[in-house]
Amino acid sequence: MVNIREAKTRFSRPVERAERGEEIVIARAGTPVARLVAYRESRAPRVPGGWEGRVWIAPDFDGLSPELAAAFRGELS
């Protein structure tokens, strides 16, 4: 863990540590507020349609029952 003041003053040191694979936690007054990690290129582009034919959606999926709609409006307790 690195204090935010130290990270500001010597920014290149935590960056070098992150480049070597270390995860640096930056803290303010001992409380973690950020993570510094090495940048990695994404491995492969996403291919859509991986769940095609494996998921079924009910015909009434978009329908909302009157009871549930009333509950969302706060009319039921």
C-alpha atoms as a PDB file:
ATOM      1  CA  MET A   1       0.000   0.000   0.000  1.00  0.00           C
ATOM      2  CA  VAL A   2       1.305   3.444  -0.919  1.00  0.00           C
ATOM      3  CA  ASN A   3       0.169   6.694   0.652  1.00  0.00           C
ATOM      4  CA  ILE A   4      -1.268   9.165  -1.851  1.00  0.00           C
ATOM      5  CA  ARG A   5       1.339  11.767  -0.931  1.00  0.00           C
ATOM      6  CA  GLU A   6       4.172   9.328  -1.636  1.00  0.00           C
ATOM      7  CA  ALA A   7       2.513   8.259  -4.895  1.00  0.00           C
ATOM      8  CA  LYS A   8       2.317  11.908  -6.004  1.00  0.00           C
ATOM      9  CA  THR A   9       5.907  12.677  -5.062  1.00  0.00           C
ATOM     10  CA  ARG A  10       7.488   9.560  -6.537  1.00  0.00           C
ATOM     11  CA  PHE A  11       4.941   8.505  -9.147  1.00  0.00           C
ATOM     12  CA  SER A  12       7.443   6.655 -11.335  1.00  0.00           C
ATOM     13  CA  ARG A  13       8.270   4.147  -8.576  1.00  0.00           C
ATOM     14  CA  PRO A  14       4.753   2.743  -8.109  1.00  0.00           C
ATOM     15  CA  VAL A  15       4.315   2.732 -11.901  1.00  0.00           C
ATOM     16  CA  GLU A  16       7.501   0.683 -12.306  1.00  0.00           C
ATOM     17  CA  ARG A  17       6.285  -1.759  -9.648  1.00  0.00           C
ATOM     18  CA  ALA A  18       2.955  -2.092 -11.464  1.00  0.00           C
ATOM     19  CA  GLU A  19       4.788  -2.720 -14.751  1.00  0.00           C
ATOM     20  CA  ARG A  20       6.545  -5.658 -13.082  1.00  0.00           C
ATOM     21  CA  GLY A  21       3.137  -7.155 -12.257  1.00  0.00           C
ATOM     22  CA  GLU A  22       2.557  -5.866  -8.739  1.00  0.00           C
ATOM     23  CA  GLU A  23      -0.825  -4.413  -7.802  1.00  0.00           C
ATOM     24  CA  ILE A  24      -0.312  -1.111  -5.975  1.00  0.00           C
ATOM     25  CA  VAL A  25      -3.019   0.085  -3.602  1.00  0.00           C
ATOM     26  CA  ILE A  26      -3.056   3.846  -3.133  1.00  0.00           C
ATOM     27  CA  ALA A  27      -4.409   5.010   0.207  1.00  0.00           C
ATOM     28  CA  ARG A  28      -5.502   8.287   1.741  1.00  0.00           C
ATOM     29  CA  ALA A  29      -4.906   8.391   5.516  1.00  0.00           C
ATOM     30  CA  GLY A  30      -4.553   4.593   5.539  1.00  0.00           C
ATOM     31  CA  THR A  31      -7.828   3.982   3.691  1.00  0.00           C
ATOM     32  CA  PRO A  32      -7.497   2.345   0.233  1.00  0.00           C
ATOM     33  CA  VAL A  33      -8.916   4.588  -2.510  1.00  0.00           C
ATOM     34  CA  ALA A  34      -7.428   3.275  -5.787  1.00  0.00           C
ATOM     35  CA  ARG A  35      -5.519   0.442  -7.455  1.00  0.00           C
ATOM     36  CA  LEU A  36      -2.636   0.863  -9.867  1.00  0.00           C
ATOM     37  CA  VAL A  37      -2.124  -2.123 -12.166  1.00  0.00           C
ATOM     38  CA  ALA A  38      -0.225  -2.720 -15.381  1.00  0.00           C
ATOM     39  CA  TYR A  39      -2.108  -2.082 -18.614  1.00  0.00           C
ATOM     40  CA  ARG A  40      -2.788  -5.202 -20.636  1.00  0.00           C
ATOM     41  CA  GLU A  41      -4.201  -5.358 -24.156  1.00  0.00           C
ATOM     42  CA  SER A  42      -7.393  -7.361 -24.400  1.00  0.00           C
ATOM     43  CA  ARG A  43      -6.722 -10.863 -25.644  1.00  0.00           C
ATOM     44  CA  ALA A  44      -9.411 -11.291 -28.256  1.00  0.00           C
ATOM     45  CA  PRO A  45     -12.416  -9.340 -29.437  1.00  0.00           C
ATOM     46  CA  ARG A  46     -15.763 -10.456 -28.087  1.00  0.00           C
ATOM     47  CA  VAL A  47     -17.878 -12.606 -30.351  1.00  0.00           C
ATOM     48  CA  PRO A  48     -21.622 -12.012 -29.940  1.00  0.00           C
ATOM     49  CA  GLY A  49     -24.119 -14.850 -29.893  1.00  0.00           C
ATOM     50  CA  GLY A  50     -22.429 -17.195 -27.451  1.00  0.00           C
ATOM     51  CA  TRP A  51     -25.725 -17.987 -25.701  1.00  0.00           C
ATOM     52  CA  GLU A  52     -27.802 -18.263 -28.875  1.00  0.00           C
ATOM     53  CA  GLY A  53     -30.102 -21.279 -28.651  1.00  0.00           C
ATOM     54  CA  ARG A  54     -29.260 -21.808 -24.961  1.00  0.00           C
ATOM     55  CA  VAL A  55     -31.539 -19.185 -23.407  1.00  0.00           C
ATOM     56  CA  TRP A  56     -35.322 -19.060 -23.557  1.00  0.00           C
ATOM     57  CA  ILE A  57     -37.332 -15.918 -22.748  1.00  0.00           C
ATOM     58  CA  ALA A  58     -40.989 -16.317 -21.852  1.00  0.00           C
ATOM     59  CA  PRO A  59     -43.482 -14.599 -24.172  1.00  0.00           C
ATOM     60  CA  ASP A  60     -44.817 -12.533 -21.258  1.00  0.00           C
ATOM     61  CA  PHE A  61     -41.328 -11.436 -20.120  1.00  0.00           C
ATOM     62  CA  ASP A  62     -42.042  -7.738 -20.695  1.00  0.00           C
ATOM     63  CA  GLY A  63     -45.450  -7.944 -19.033  1.00  0.00           C
ATOM     64  CA  LEU A  64     -45.855  -6.602 -15.505  1.00  0.00           C
ATOM     65  CA  SER A  65     -48.614  -7.883 -13.281  1.00  0.00           C
ATOM     66  CA  PRO A  66     -50.890  -5.238 -11.728  1.00  0.00           C
ATOM     67  CA  GLU A  67     -49.837  -6.369  -8.246  1.00  0.00           C
ATOM     68  CA  LEU A  68     -46.151  -5.935  -8.996  1.00  0.00           C
ATOM     69  CA  ALA A  69     -46.747  -2.550 -10.655  1.00  0.00           C
ATOM     70  CA  ALA A  70     -48.662  -1.401  -7.555  1.00  0.00           C
ATOM     71  CA  ALA A  71     -45.801  -2.581  -5.338  1.00  0.00           C
ATOM     72  CA  PHE A  72     -43.308  -0.547  -7.369  1.00  0.00           C
ATOM     73  CA  ARG A  73     -45.524   2.506  -6.953  1.00  0.00           C
ATOM     74  CA  GLY A  74     -45.597   1.904  -3.185  1.00  0.00           C
ATOM     75  CA  GLU A  75     -49.300   1.163  -3.121  1.00  0.00           C
ATOM     76  CA  LEU A  76     -48.892  -2.271  -1.493  1.00  0.00           C
ATOM     77  CA  SER A  77     -47.058  -3.040   1.682  1.00  0.00           C
END
